[in-house]
Amino acid sequence: MAINNKTYQPVQILTIKATGDVASNRFVGFSGSLCGANQKAFGVSLSNFSNGSFASIVVLGTAIVEAGGTINVGDKVASDSLGRAIVATTGAEVNGRALTSAVVGEFVKILLVP
């Protein structure tokens, strides 16, 4: 589903200084760059940002994340190596629950898990 058909309700947005380039709607790691595969995310980027810039990150509430695979409503989601949402596997850090379904390249609404 296109991103313009998605709504989200951020409860808390924090500003960070980026340590790498990040595309919008991706999981961001605590380091300030893309979240690594199966790593705990700090939050989700609201826009594109480049290394050294300041960026707004949704850290609590719901957020829209680009899907890196097929995700169904209710699935636990983790980050892939590009910061996209994928179904969490055993041992992966869970970053949220899917509130909508999506396939790779589409956007999924996630209830973030701190």
N, C-alpha and C. Protein backbone atom coordinates (compact mmCIF):
# COMPACT_ATOMS: atom_id res chain seq x y z
N MET A 1 0.84 -1.18 0.00
CA MET A 1 0.00 0.00 0.00
C MET A 1 0.89 1.24 0.00
N ALA A 2 0.47 2.25 -0.72
CA ALA A 2 1.24 3.50 -0.79
C ALA A 2 1.28 4.19 0.56
N ILE A 3 2.36 4.91 0.79
CA ILE A 3 2.53 5.57 2.08
C ILE A 3 1.47 6.63 2.32
N ASN A 4 0.96 7.27 1.26
CA ASN A 4 -0.04 8.33 1.46
C ASN A 4 -1.38 7.78 1.92
N ASN A 5 -1.54 6.46 1.94
CA ASN A 5 -2.76 5.84 2.46
C ASN A 5 -2.59 5.38 3.91
N LYS A 6 -1.49 5.73 4.52
CA LYS A 6 -1.19 5.29 5.88
C LYS A 6 -1.25 6.48 6.84
N THR A 7 -1.80 6.26 8.00
CA THR A 7 -1.76 7.25 9.07
C THR A 7 -0.94 6.67 10.21
N TYR A 8 -0.40 7.53 11.04
CA TYR A 8 0.35 7.06 12.20
C TYR A 8 0.16 8.04 13.34
N GLN A 9 0.38 7.57 14.56
CA GLN A 9 0.18 8.37 15.75
C GLN A 9 1.44 8.32 16.61
N PRO A 10 2.39 9.21 16.35
CA PRO A 10 3.58 9.23 17.20
C PRO A 10 3.23 9.78 18.57
N VAL A 11 3.72 9.15 19.60
CA VAL A 11 3.53 9.63 20.96
C VAL A 11 4.74 10.45 21.39
N GLN A 12 5.92 10.03 20.96
CA GLN A 12 7.14 10.77 21.28
C GLN A 12 8.06 10.77 20.07
N ILE A 13 8.56 11.96 19.74
CA ILE A 13 9.53 12.13 18.66
C ILE A 13 10.75 12.80 19.27
N LEU A 14 11.93 12.22 19.03
CA LEU A 14 13.18 12.78 19.53
C LEU A 14 14.06 13.17 18.36
N THR A 15 14.93 14.14 18.59
CA THR A 15 15.89 14.57 17.58
C THR A 15 17.25 14.00 17.91
N ILE A 16 17.90 13.45 16.88
CA ILE A 16 19.25 12.89 17.06
C ILE A 16 20.17 13.51 16.02
N LYS A 17 21.47 13.40 16.27
CA LYS A 17 22.45 13.78 15.26
C LYS A 17 22.85 12.50 14.53
N ALA A 18 22.65 12.50 13.22
CA ALA A 18 22.90 11.31 12.41
C ALA A 18 24.38 11.00 12.29
N THR A 19 24.68 9.71 12.33
CA THR A 19 26.06 9.26 12.12
C THR A 19 26.17 8.50 10.80
N GLY A 20 25.13 8.59 9.99
CA GLY A 20 25.12 7.95 8.68
C GLY A 20 23.91 8.42 7.90
N ASP A 21 23.88 8.14 6.61
CA ASP A 21 22.73 8.50 5.78
C ASP A 21 21.60 7.50 6.03
N VAL A 22 20.39 8.01 6.17
CA VAL A 22 19.23 7.15 6.43
C VAL A 22 18.05 7.63 5.58
N ALA A 23 17.38 6.70 4.93
CA ALA A 23 16.17 7.01 4.17
C ALA A 23 14.99 7.13 5.12
N SER A 24 13.95 7.80 4.68
CA SER A 24 12.75 7.94 5.50
C SER A 24 12.08 6.59 5.69
N ASN A 25 11.35 6.49 6.79
CA ASN A 25 10.55 5.31 7.11
C ASN A 25 11.38 4.04 7.25
N ARG A 26 12.52 4.19 7.91
CA ARG A 26 13.41 3.06 8.21
C ARG A 26 13.69 3.03 9.70
N PHE A 27 14.00 1.84 10.22
CA PHE A 27 14.42 1.72 11.61
C PHE A 27 15.80 2.35 11.75
N VAL A 28 15.96 3.12 12.82
CA VAL A 28 17.23 3.79 13.13
C VAL A 28 17.78 3.19 14.41
N GLY A 29 19.07 2.88 14.41
CA GLY A 29 19.72 2.31 15.58
C GLY A 29 20.10 3.37 16.60
N PHE A 30 20.49 2.93 17.77
CA PHE A 30 20.90 3.85 18.84
C PHE A 30 22.16 4.63 18.46
N SER A 31 22.89 4.15 17.46
CA SER A 31 24.11 4.83 17.01
C SER A 31 23.82 6.06 16.15
N GLY A 32 22.57 6.21 15.68
CA GLY A 32 22.22 7.34 14.83
C GLY A 32 22.32 7.03 13.35
N SER A 33 22.47 5.76 13.00
CA SER A 33 22.50 5.34 11.60
C SER A 33 21.47 4.23 11.42
N LEU A 34 21.41 3.66 10.21
CA LEU A 34 20.45 2.58 9.97
C LEU A 34 20.59 1.48 11.01
N CYS A 35 19.46 0.96 11.44
CA CYS A 35 19.46 -0.17 12.36
C CYS A 35 19.97 -1.40 11.63
N GLY A 36 20.80 -2.17 12.27
CA GLY A 36 21.32 -3.40 11.66
C GLY A 36 20.31 -4.52 11.70
N ALA A 37 20.61 -5.58 10.98
CA ALA A 37 19.73 -6.74 10.92
C ALA A 37 19.54 -7.34 12.31
N ASN A 38 18.27 -7.52 12.68
CA ASN A 38 17.88 -8.15 13.95
C ASN A 38 18.36 -7.40 15.19
N GLN A 39 18.69 -6.11 15.04
CA GLN A 39 19.14 -5.29 16.16
C GLN A 39 17.97 -4.49 16.73
N LYS A 40 18.10 -4.04 17.97
CA LYS A 40 17.08 -3.21 18.60
C LYS A 40 17.14 -1.82 17.98
N ALA A 41 16.00 -1.31 17.57
CA ALA A 41 15.91 0.02 16.98
C ALA A 41 15.66 1.07 18.05
N PHE A 42 16.22 2.25 17.84
CA PHE A 42 15.92 3.41 18.68
C PHE A 42 14.56 3.97 18.29
N GLY A 43 14.26 3.95 17.00
CA GLY A 43 13.00 4.47 16.50
C GLY A 43 12.94 4.38 14.99
N VAL A 44 12.07 5.21 14.39
CA VAL A 44 11.84 5.20 12.95
C VAL A 44 12.03 6.60 12.40
N SER A 45 12.76 6.70 11.29
CA SER A 45 13.03 8.00 10.66
C SER A 45 11.76 8.55 10.01
N LEU A 46 11.57 9.87 10.16
CA LEU A 46 10.41 10.52 9.55
C LEU A 46 10.72 11.06 8.17
N SER A 47 12.00 11.25 7.86
CA SER A 47 12.40 11.79 6.56
C SER A 47 13.81 11.31 6.24
N ASN A 48 14.26 11.59 5.01
CA ASN A 48 15.64 11.28 4.65
C ASN A 48 16.56 12.20 5.43
N PHE A 49 17.70 11.68 5.88
CA PHE A 49 18.70 12.56 6.50
C PHE A 49 20.09 12.03 6.21
N SER A 50 21.04 12.95 6.24
CA SER A 50 22.41 12.58 5.90
C SER A 50 23.31 12.67 7.12
N ASN A 51 24.45 12.04 7.00
CA ASN A 51 25.45 12.01 8.07
C ASN A 51 25.73 13.42 8.58
N GLY A 52 25.66 13.62 9.88
CA GLY A 52 25.95 14.90 10.50
C GLY A 52 24.76 15.82 10.66
N SER A 53 23.64 15.50 10.03
CA SER A 53 22.45 16.35 10.16
C SER A 53 21.64 15.92 11.38
N PHE A 54 20.68 16.76 11.73
CA PHE A 54 19.77 16.43 12.83
C PHE A 54 18.50 15.83 12.24
N ALA A 55 17.99 14.80 12.88
CA ALA A 55 16.85 14.06 12.34
C ALA A 55 15.82 13.79 13.42
N SER A 56 14.55 13.81 13.00
CA SER A 56 13.44 13.48 13.90
C SER A 56 13.14 11.99 13.80
N ILE A 57 13.06 11.35 14.97
CA ILE A 57 12.85 9.91 15.05
C ILE A 57 11.64 9.63 15.93
N VAL A 58 10.68 8.85 15.42
CA VAL A 58 9.55 8.40 16.23
C VAL A 58 10.06 7.28 17.12
N VAL A 59 9.96 7.47 18.44
CA VAL A 59 10.46 6.45 19.37
C VAL A 59 9.35 5.76 20.16
N LEU A 60 8.14 6.30 20.12
CA LEU A 60 7.03 5.72 20.87
C LEU A 60 5.73 6.01 20.12
N GLY A 61 4.86 5.03 20.07
CA GLY A 61 3.59 5.17 19.37
C GLY A 61 3.58 4.29 18.14
N THR A 62 2.92 4.78 17.08
CA THR A 62 2.92 4.05 15.82
C THR A 62 3.74 4.81 14.80
N ALA A 63 4.31 4.07 13.86
CA ALA A 63 5.14 4.66 12.81
C ALA A 63 4.95 3.85 11.54
N ILE A 64 5.31 4.47 10.43
CA ILE A 64 5.24 3.82 9.13
C ILE A 64 6.66 3.41 8.72
N VAL A 65 6.83 2.12 8.37
CA VAL A 65 8.15 1.58 8.02
C VAL A 65 8.06 0.86 6.68
N GLU A 66 9.08 1.02 5.85
CA GLU A 66 9.12 0.28 4.59
C GLU A 66 9.34 -1.20 4.89
N ALA A 67 8.58 -2.05 4.21
CA ALA A 67 8.69 -3.50 4.42
C ALA A 67 9.82 -4.09 3.59
N GLY A 68 10.57 -4.99 4.21
CA GLY A 68 11.63 -5.71 3.52
C GLY A 68 11.22 -7.12 3.14
N GLY A 69 9.97 -7.46 3.38
CA GLY A 69 9.43 -8.79 3.07
C GLY A 69 7.94 -8.78 3.33
N THR A 70 7.30 -9.92 3.22
CA THR A 70 5.86 -10.01 3.47
C THR A 70 5.60 -9.99 4.97
N ILE A 71 4.71 -9.09 5.38
CA ILE A 71 4.35 -8.92 6.79
C ILE A 71 2.83 -8.95 6.88
N ASN A 72 2.31 -9.67 7.86
CA ASN A 72 0.87 -9.74 8.08
C ASN A 72 0.50 -9.04 9.38
N VAL A 73 -0.75 -8.61 9.46
CA VAL A 73 -1.25 -7.95 10.67
C VAL A 73 -0.95 -8.83 11.88
N GLY A 74 -0.40 -8.24 12.93
CA GLY A 74 -0.12 -8.95 14.17
C GLY A 74 1.27 -9.54 14.25
N ASP A 75 1.99 -9.60 13.13
CA ASP A 75 3.35 -10.15 13.16
C ASP A 75 4.27 -9.30 14.03
N LYS A 76 5.17 -9.96 14.74
CA LYS A 76 6.26 -9.26 15.42
C LYS A 76 7.25 -8.87 14.34
N VAL A 77 7.75 -7.63 14.40
CA VAL A 77 8.66 -7.17 13.35
C VAL A 77 10.03 -6.82 13.92
N ALA A 78 11.02 -7.04 13.07
CA ALA A 78 12.42 -6.73 13.37
C ALA A 78 12.96 -5.90 12.21
N SER A 79 14.22 -5.55 12.30
CA SER A 79 14.89 -4.78 11.25
C SER A 79 15.74 -5.70 10.38
N ASP A 80 15.75 -5.42 9.06
CA ASP A 80 16.72 -6.10 8.21
C ASP A 80 17.97 -5.23 8.12
N SER A 81 18.94 -5.60 7.31
CA SER A 81 20.20 -4.86 7.24
C SER A 81 20.06 -3.48 6.61
N LEU A 82 18.90 -3.19 6.00
CA LEU A 82 18.64 -1.89 5.40
C LEU A 82 17.70 -1.05 6.24
N GLY A 83 17.38 -1.51 7.46
CA GLY A 83 16.48 -0.78 8.34
C GLY A 83 15.01 -0.95 8.00
N ARG A 84 14.69 -1.89 7.10
CA ARG A 84 13.30 -2.13 6.74
C ARG A 84 12.68 -3.14 7.70
N ALA A 85 11.36 -3.15 7.76
CA ALA A 85 10.64 -4.08 8.64
C ALA A 85 10.55 -5.45 7.99
N ILE A 86 10.83 -6.48 8.79
CA ILE A 86 10.68 -7.88 8.38
C ILE A 86 10.05 -8.63 9.55
N VAL A 87 9.53 -9.81 9.28
CA VAL A 87 8.98 -10.64 10.36
C VAL A 87 10.14 -11.08 11.25
N ALA A 88 9.97 -10.90 12.56
CA ALA A 88 11.01 -11.27 13.52
C ALA A 88 11.14 -12.79 13.60
N THR A 89 12.36 -13.26 13.60
CA THR A 89 12.65 -14.68 13.75
C THR A 89 13.21 -14.91 15.15
N THR A 90 13.37 -16.16 15.53
CA THR A 90 13.91 -16.50 16.84
C THR A 90 15.26 -15.83 17.04
N GLY A 91 15.42 -15.15 18.16
CA GLY A 91 16.67 -14.49 18.49
C GLY A 91 16.77 -13.05 18.02
N ALA A 92 15.84 -12.61 17.18
CA ALA A 92 15.87 -11.23 16.70
C ALA A 92 15.26 -10.30 17.74
N GLU A 93 15.75 -9.07 17.78
CA GLU A 93 15.15 -8.05 18.63
C GLU A 93 13.83 -7.62 18.00
N VAL A 94 12.75 -7.66 18.76
CA VAL A 94 11.44 -7.25 18.27
C VAL A 94 11.31 -5.74 18.45
N ASN A 95 11.03 -5.05 17.34
CA ASN A 95 10.89 -3.59 17.37
C ASN A 95 9.45 -3.13 17.33
N GLY A 96 8.51 -4.05 17.14
CA GLY A 96 7.11 -3.67 17.13
C GLY A 96 6.22 -4.78 16.63
N ARG A 97 4.93 -4.42 16.49
CA ARG A 97 3.90 -5.33 15.97
C ARG A 97 3.26 -4.66 14.76
N ALA A 98 3.02 -5.44 13.73
CA ALA A 98 2.39 -4.92 12.52
C ALA A 98 0.91 -4.68 12.75
N LEU A 99 0.46 -3.48 12.41
CA LEU A 99 -0.96 -3.14 12.50
C LEU A 99 -1.64 -3.22 11.14
N THR A 100 -0.83 -3.32 10.08
CA THR A 100 -1.33 -3.52 8.72
C THR A 100 -0.46 -4.58 8.05
N SER A 101 -0.87 -5.03 6.90
CA SER A 101 -0.08 -5.99 6.13
C SER A 101 0.65 -5.27 5.00
N ALA A 102 1.76 -5.86 4.54
CA ALA A 102 2.52 -5.27 3.43
C ALA A 102 3.42 -6.34 2.83
N VAL A 103 3.85 -6.08 1.60
CA VAL A 103 4.87 -6.91 0.95
C VAL A 103 6.08 -6.02 0.71
N VAL A 104 7.18 -6.63 0.30
CA VAL A 104 8.43 -5.90 0.12
C VAL A 104 8.21 -4.64 -0.73
N GLY A 105 8.75 -3.52 -0.25
CA GLY A 105 8.63 -2.25 -0.95
C GLY A 105 7.42 -1.43 -0.56
N GLU A 106 6.43 -2.05 0.07
CA GLU A 106 5.26 -1.31 0.55
C GLU A 106 5.56 -0.78 1.95
N PHE A 107 4.59 -0.07 2.52
CA PHE A 107 4.76 0.51 3.84
C PHE A 107 3.78 -0.12 4.81
N VAL A 108 4.27 -0.40 6.02
CA VAL A 108 3.48 -1.08 7.04
C VAL A 108 3.43 -0.19 8.29
N LYS A 109 2.24 -0.15 8.91
CA LYS A 109 2.10 0.60 10.17
C LYS A 109 2.54 -0.32 11.30
N ILE A 110 3.43 0.19 12.14
CA ILE A 110 4.01 -0.58 13.24
C ILE A 110 3.66 0.07 14.57
N LEU A 111 3.24 -0.73 15.54
CA LEU A 111 3.15 -0.27 16.93
C LEU A 111 4.52 -0.54 17.54
N LEU A 112 5.26 0.53 17.83
CA LEU A 112 6.63 0.39 18.31
C LEU A 112 6.68 -0.21 19.70
N VAL A 113 7.66 -1.07 19.92
CA VAL A 113 7.90 -1.70 21.21
C VAL A 113 9.22 -1.15 21.74
N PRO A 114 9.17 -0.36 22.84
CA PRO A 114 10.43 0.21 23.35
C PRO A 114 11.37 -0.85 23.91
